[in-house]
Amino acid sequence: MINQIGKIGGGCYMKETFDDALKFVLDHEGYVSNNPKDPGGLTVFGLSKRAFGSDVDKMAKMSKDDAKVFASAIYRTHYWDALGLNEYHFPLDIVLFDTAVNQCINKARTLLTLASGDVFKFIVLRIKHYNHLGVLPKYKVFLKGWLNRVRDLCTLISLDYEKLLNESTKQKSKHN
């Protein structure tokens, strides 16, 4: 269940879906990965050594629980807060967060602009981007996982994944 109201500080209330978004990301990223086809190299809870250097080295030496706490702080600061996601409505906040984690903050911002803030259009564009990358030999191995992740995200936020897939195909054929 997504929590949209959370108590913070001196009794004030604000929307807070970070914990739900983080759980989704951590469930999909897994613990430690060092896939030679992943340009990020070694990753711990989805944080790449290429992007976070010595922090990833530190997490790789920690217990799984300690590494998760450490990763959570990075995700909060470098993704959620950096994008100002407490200012966005659900479900756009979670969609932006997951996209930033999986594709980078700049890609999330670009898709947001192209979609004019519409969640449905945003996810259609995300699927199209994955399909574009998925034809490249170095990324083909990741395509199924990326699309499964989007499917699971749609389930989390109650969007019809099949409808999104159909729309991404229609838009693709219009542009070819």
C-alpha atoms as a PDB file:
ATOM      1  CA  MET A   1       0.000   0.000   0.000  1.00  0.00           C
ATOM      2  CA  ILE A   2       1.357   3.378  -0.985  1.00  0.00           C
ATOM      3  CA  ASN A   3       1.530   5.941   1.815  1.00  0.00           C
ATOM      4  CA  GLN A   4       0.869   9.449   0.549  1.00  0.00           C
ATOM      5  CA  ILE A   5       0.835  11.193   3.910  1.00  0.00           C
ATOM      6  CA  GLY A   6       3.644  10.830   6.401  1.00  0.00           C
ATOM      7  CA  LYS A   7       4.460  12.596   9.633  1.00  0.00           C
ATOM      8  CA  ILE A   8       7.749  14.459   9.687  1.00  0.00           C
ATOM      9  CA  GLY A   9       9.587  16.765  12.032  1.00  0.00           C
ATOM     10  CA  GLY A  10       7.539  18.948  14.401  1.00  0.00           C
ATOM     11  CA  GLY A  11       4.218  17.308  13.606  1.00  0.00           C
ATOM     12  CA  CYS A  12       3.854  18.712  10.080  1.00  0.00           C
ATOM     13  CA  TYR A  13       2.447  16.497   7.379  1.00  0.00           C
ATOM     14  CA  MET A  14       3.629  16.079   3.818  1.00  0.00           C
ATOM     15  CA  LYS A  15       3.362  13.526   1.043  1.00  0.00           C
ATOM     16  CA  GLU A  16       5.960  10.827   1.538  1.00  0.00           C
ATOM     17  CA  THR A  17       6.221   7.919  -0.857  1.00  0.00           C
ATOM     18  CA  PHE A  18      10.003   7.566  -0.736  1.00  0.00           C
ATOM     19  CA  ASP A  19       9.911   4.348   1.317  1.00  0.00           C
ATOM     20  CA  ASP A  20       7.564   2.672  -1.153  1.00  0.00           C
ATOM     21  CA  ALA A  21       9.616   3.877  -4.123  1.00  0.00           C
ATOM     22  CA  LEU A  22      12.824   2.707  -2.455  1.00  0.00           C
ATOM     23  CA  LYS A  23      11.394  -0.731  -1.708  1.00  0.00           C
ATOM     24  CA  PHE A  24      10.386  -1.081  -5.360  1.00  0.00           C
ATOM     25  CA  VAL A  25      13.867  -0.077  -6.559  1.00  0.00           C
ATOM     26  CA  LEU A  26      15.736  -2.278  -4.087  1.00  0.00           C
ATOM     27  CA  ASP A  27      13.539  -5.274  -4.941  1.00  0.00           C
ATOM     28  CA  HIS A  28      14.390  -4.837  -8.632  1.00  0.00           C
ATOM     29  CA  GLU A  29      18.040  -3.958  -8.258  1.00  0.00           C
ATOM     30  CA  GLY A  30      18.987  -6.812  -5.968  1.00  0.00           C
ATOM     31  CA  TYR A  31      21.987  -6.883  -3.680  1.00  0.00           C
ATOM     32  CA  VAL A  32      25.350  -7.246  -5.473  1.00  0.00           C
ATOM     33  CA  SER A  33      25.841  -7.568  -9.219  1.00  0.00           C
ATOM     34  CA  ASN A  34      28.918  -7.441 -11.383  1.00  0.00           C
ATOM     35  CA  ASN A  35      27.591  -8.246 -14.841  1.00  0.00           C
ATOM     36  CA  PRO A  36      30.380  -7.683 -17.389  1.00  0.00           C
ATOM     37  CA  LYS A  37      27.784  -6.391 -19.882  1.00  0.00           C
ATOM     38  CA  ASP A  38      26.590  -3.691 -17.468  1.00  0.00           C
ATOM     39  CA  PRO A  39      28.494  -0.467 -18.215  1.00  0.00           C
ATOM     40  CA  GLY A  40      28.128   0.533 -14.548  1.00  0.00           C
ATOM     41  CA  GLY A  41      30.346  -2.350 -13.478  1.00  0.00           C
ATOM     42  CA  LEU A  42      30.009  -3.539  -9.893  1.00  0.00           C
ATOM     43  CA  THR A  43      26.696  -2.485  -8.370  1.00  0.00           C
ATOM     44  CA  VAL A  44      25.365  -2.788  -4.847  1.00  0.00           C
ATOM     45  CA  PHE A  45      21.607  -2.342  -4.554  1.00  0.00           C
ATOM     46  CA  GLY A  46      21.707  -0.788  -8.028  1.00  0.00           C
ATOM     47  CA  LEU A  47      24.311   1.852  -7.222  1.00  0.00           C
ATOM     48  CA  SER A  48      27.182   1.508  -9.663  1.00  0.00           C
ATOM     49  CA  LYS A  49      30.858   1.769  -8.929  1.00  0.00           C
ATOM     50  CA  ARG A  50      31.145   3.953 -12.031  1.00  0.00           C
ATOM     51  CA  ALA A  51      28.801   6.536 -10.475  1.00  0.00           C
ATOM     52  CA  PHE A  52      29.503   6.142  -6.755  1.00  0.00           C
ATOM     53  CA  GLY A  53      33.068   4.798  -6.662  1.00  0.00           C
ATOM     54  CA  SER A  54      34.375   4.239  -3.139  1.00  0.00           C
ATOM     55  CA  ASP A  55      30.851   4.219  -1.652  1.00  0.00           C
ATOM     56  CA  VAL A  56      30.093   1.080  -3.658  1.00  0.00           C
ATOM     57  CA  ASP A  57      33.388  -0.466  -2.543  1.00  0.00           C
ATOM     58  CA  LYS A  58      32.407   0.243   1.083  1.00  0.00           C
ATOM     59  CA  MET A  59      28.915  -1.228   0.637  1.00  0.00           C
ATOM     60  CA  ALA A  60      30.330  -4.368  -0.993  1.00  0.00           C
ATOM     61  CA  LYS A  61      32.243  -5.037   2.244  1.00  0.00           C
ATOM     62  CA  MET A  62      29.268  -4.384   4.561  1.00  0.00           C
ATOM     63  CA  SER A  63      26.594  -6.766   5.714  1.00  0.00           C
ATOM     64  CA  LYS A  64      23.553  -6.795   3.457  1.00  0.00           C
ATOM     65  CA  ASP A  65      21.459  -4.880   6.014  1.00  0.00           C
ATOM     66  CA  ASP A  66      24.111  -2.205   6.569  1.00  0.00           C
ATOM     67  CA  ALA A  67      24.646  -1.840   2.816  1.00  0.00           C
ATOM     68  CA  LYS A  68      20.889  -1.373   2.359  1.00  0.00           C
ATOM     69  CA  VAL A  69      20.828   1.450   4.922  1.00  0.00           C
ATOM     70  CA  PHE A  70      23.837   3.078   3.262  1.00  0.00           C
ATOM     71  CA  ALA A  71      22.260   2.716  -0.204  1.00  0.00           C
ATOM     72  CA  SER A  72      18.973   4.148   1.076  1.00  0.00           C
ATOM     73  CA  ALA A  73      20.736   7.335   2.154  1.00  0.00           C
ATOM     74  CA  ILE A  74      22.361   7.681  -1.273  1.00  0.00           C
ATOM     75  CA  TYR A  75      19.053   7.124  -3.037  1.00  0.00           C
ATOM     76  CA  ARG A  76      17.377   9.698  -0.827  1.00  0.00           C
ATOM     77  CA  THR A  77      20.005  12.391  -1.368  1.00  0.00           C
ATOM     78  CA  HIS A  78      21.217  11.770  -4.911  1.00  0.00           C
ATOM     79  CA  TYR A  79      17.914  10.823  -6.513  1.00  0.00           C
ATOM     80  CA  TRP A  80      14.760  11.620  -4.513  1.00  0.00           C
ATOM     81  CA  ASP A  81      15.874  14.941  -3.034  1.00  0.00           C
ATOM     82  CA  ALA A  82      17.970  15.910  -6.087  1.00  0.00           C
ATOM     83  CA  LEU A  83      14.842  15.627  -8.243  1.00  0.00           C
ATOM     84  CA  GLY A  84      12.649  17.351  -5.648  1.00  0.00           C
ATOM     85  CA  LEU A  85      10.251  14.417  -5.710  1.00  0.00           C
ATOM     86  CA  ASN A  86       8.328  15.445  -2.592  1.00  0.00           C
ATOM     87  CA  GLU A  87       6.937  18.203  -4.823  1.00  0.00           C
ATOM     88  CA  TYR A  88       5.469  15.739  -7.336  1.00  0.00           C
ATOM     89  CA  HIS A  89       2.167  13.924  -7.035  1.00  0.00           C
ATOM     90  CA  PHE A  90       1.827  10.178  -6.821  1.00  0.00           C
ATOM     91  CA  PRO A  91       2.407   8.241  -9.056  1.00  0.00           C
ATOM     92  CA  LEU A  92       4.699  10.569 -11.010  1.00  0.00           C
ATOM     93  CA  ASP A  93       7.103  10.766  -8.065  1.00  0.00           C
ATOM     94  CA  ILE A  94       7.699   7.021  -7.997  1.00  0.00           C
ATOM     95  CA  VAL A  95       7.897   6.761 -11.797  1.00  0.00           C
ATOM     96  CA  LEU A  96      10.481   9.565 -11.952  1.00  0.00           C
ATOM     97  CA  PHE A  97      12.506   8.019  -9.129  1.00  0.00           C
ATOM     98  CA  ASP A  98      12.619   4.570 -10.688  1.00  0.00           C
ATOM     99  CA  THR A  99      13.473   6.000 -14.103  1.00  0.00           C
ATOM    100  CA  ALA A 100      16.277   8.123 -12.638  1.00  0.00           C
ATOM    101  CA  VAL A 101      17.715   5.094 -10.862  1.00  0.00           C
ATOM    102  CA  ASN A 102      17.484   2.811 -13.882  1.00  0.00           C
ATOM    103  CA  GLN A 103      18.293   5.264 -16.668  1.00  0.00           C
ATOM    104  CA  CYS A 104      19.824   8.347 -14.952  1.00  0.00           C
ATOM    105  CA  ILE A 105      18.444  11.603 -13.628  1.00  0.00           C
ATOM    106  CA  ASN A 106      18.886  13.456 -16.908  1.00  0.00           C
ATOM    107  CA  LYS A 107      16.887  10.827 -18.824  1.00  0.00           C
ATOM    108  CA  ALA A 108      14.099  11.060 -16.232  1.00  0.00           C
ATOM    109  CA  ARG A 109      14.000  14.851 -16.629  1.00  0.00           C
ATOM    110  CA  THR A 110      14.021  14.590 -20.426  1.00  0.00           C
ATOM    111  CA  LEU A 111      11.166  12.079 -20.470  1.00  0.00           C
ATOM    112  CA  LEU A 112       9.210  14.259 -18.042  1.00  0.00           C
ATOM    113  CA  THR A 113       9.560  17.229 -20.378  1.00  0.00           C
ATOM    114  CA  LEU A 114       8.684  15.212 -23.482  1.00  0.00           C
ATOM    115  CA  ALA A 115       5.627  13.745 -21.738  1.00  0.00           C
ATOM    116  CA  SER A 116       4.529  17.161 -20.417  1.00  0.00           C
ATOM    117  CA  GLY A 117       4.197  15.629 -16.964  1.00  0.00           C
ATOM    118  CA  ASP A 118       1.718  12.936 -18.092  1.00  0.00           C
ATOM    119  CA  VAL A 119       2.496   9.603 -16.390  1.00  0.00           C
ATOM    120  CA  PHE A 120       1.000   7.491 -19.176  1.00  0.00           C
ATOM    121  CA  LYS A 121       3.005   9.285 -21.887  1.00  0.00           C
ATOM    122  CA  PHE A 122       6.115   9.180 -19.703  1.00  0.00           C
ATOM    123  CA  ILE A 123       5.997   5.404 -19.365  1.00  0.00           C
ATOM    124  CA  VAL A 124       5.248   4.969 -23.078  1.00  0.00           C
ATOM    125  CA  LEU A 125       8.392   6.996 -23.833  1.00  0.00           C
ATOM    126  CA  ARG A 126      10.359   4.931 -21.322  1.00  0.00           C
ATOM    127  CA  ILE A 127       9.260   1.695 -23.009  1.00  0.00           C
ATOM    128  CA  LYS A 128      10.184   3.121 -26.409  1.00  0.00           C
ATOM    129  CA  HIS A 129      13.632   4.072 -25.100  1.00  0.00           C
ATOM    130  CA  TYR A 130      14.184   0.561 -23.732  1.00  0.00           C
ATOM    131  CA  ASN A 131      13.095  -0.975 -27.041  1.00  0.00           C
ATOM    132  CA  HIS A 132      15.500   1.336 -28.871  1.00  0.00           C
ATOM    133  CA  LEU A 133      18.374   0.319 -26.593  1.00  0.00           C
ATOM    134  CA  GLY A 134      17.322  -3.335 -26.698  1.00  0.00           C
ATOM    135  CA  VAL A 135      18.257  -3.693 -30.362  1.00  0.00           C
ATOM    136  CA  LEU A 136      21.869  -2.831 -29.555  1.00  0.00           C
ATOM    137  CA  PRO A 137      23.924  -5.970 -28.923  1.00  0.00           C
ATOM    138  CA  LYS A 138      25.434  -4.716 -25.647  1.00  0.00           C
ATOM    139  CA  TYR A 139      21.993  -3.992 -24.140  1.00  0.00           C
ATOM    140  CA  LYS A 140      19.856  -6.752 -25.672  1.00  0.00           C
ATOM    141  CA  VAL A 141      20.440  -8.978 -22.641  1.00  0.00           C
ATOM    142  CA  PHE A 142      18.790  -6.353 -20.381  1.00  0.00           C
ATOM    143  CA  LEU A 143      15.623  -5.640 -22.419  1.00  0.00           C
ATOM    144  CA  LYS A 144      13.372  -8.302 -20.886  1.00  0.00           C
ATOM    145  CA  GLY A 145      14.339  -7.247 -17.355  1.00  0.00           C
ATOM    146  CA  TRP A 146      13.733  -3.565 -18.150  1.00  0.00           C
ATOM    147  CA  LEU A 147      10.281  -4.301 -19.554  1.00  0.00           C
ATOM    148  CA  ASN A 148       9.434  -6.552 -16.591  1.00  0.00           C
ATOM    149  CA  ARG A 149      10.444  -3.724 -14.285  1.00  0.00           C
ATOM    150  CA  VAL A 150       8.103  -1.318 -16.088  1.00  0.00           C
ATOM    151  CA  ARG A 151       5.323  -3.928 -15.911  1.00  0.00           C
ATOM    152  CA  ASP A 152       5.842  -4.220 -12.151  1.00  0.00           C
ATOM    153  CA  LEU A 153       5.924  -0.442 -11.805  1.00  0.00           C
ATOM    154  CA  CYS A 154       2.601  -0.232 -13.646  1.00  0.00           C
ATOM    155  CA  THR A 155       1.147  -2.793 -11.234  1.00  0.00           C
ATOM    156  CA  LEU A 156       2.395  -0.748  -8.276  1.00  0.00           C
ATOM    157  CA  ILE A 157       0.791   2.450  -9.552  1.00  0.00           C
ATOM    158  CA  SER A 158      -2.286   0.765 -11.086  1.00  0.00           C
ATOM    159  CA  LEU A 159      -1.636   1.481 -14.767  1.00  0.00           C
ATOM    160  CA  ASP A 160      -2.524  -0.948 -17.561  1.00  0.00           C
ATOM    161  CA  TYR A 161       0.826  -2.238 -18.829  1.00  0.00           C
ATOM    162  CA  GLU A 162      -0.634  -3.924 -21.923  1.00  0.00           C
ATOM    163  CA  LYS A 163      -2.250  -0.650 -22.963  1.00  0.00           C
ATOM    164  CA  LEU A 164       1.105   1.113 -22.544  1.00  0.00           C
ATOM    165  CA  LEU A 165       2.867  -1.531 -24.638  1.00  0.00           C
ATOM    166  CA  ASN A 166       0.279  -1.192 -27.387  1.00  0.00           C
ATOM    167  CA  GLU A 167       0.615   2.591 -27.327  1.00  0.00           C
ATOM    168  CA  SER A 168       4.421   2.395 -27.514  1.00  0.00           C
ATOM    169  CA  THR A 169       4.108   0.149 -30.585  1.00  0.00           C
ATOM    170  CA  LYS A 170       1.643   2.525 -32.259  1.00  0.00           C
ATOM    171  CA  GLN A 171       3.887   5.494 -31.638  1.00  0.00           C
ATOM    172  CA  LYS A 172       6.923   3.547 -32.841  1.00  0.00           C
ATOM    173  CA  SER A 173       5.268   2.678 -36.145  1.00  0.00           C
ATOM    174  CA  LYS A 174       4.190   6.309 -36.626  1.00  0.00           C
ATOM    175  CA  HIS A 175       7.817   7.450 -36.356  1.00  0.00           C
ATOM    176  CA  ASN A 176       9.340   4.782 -38.618  1.00  0.00           C
END
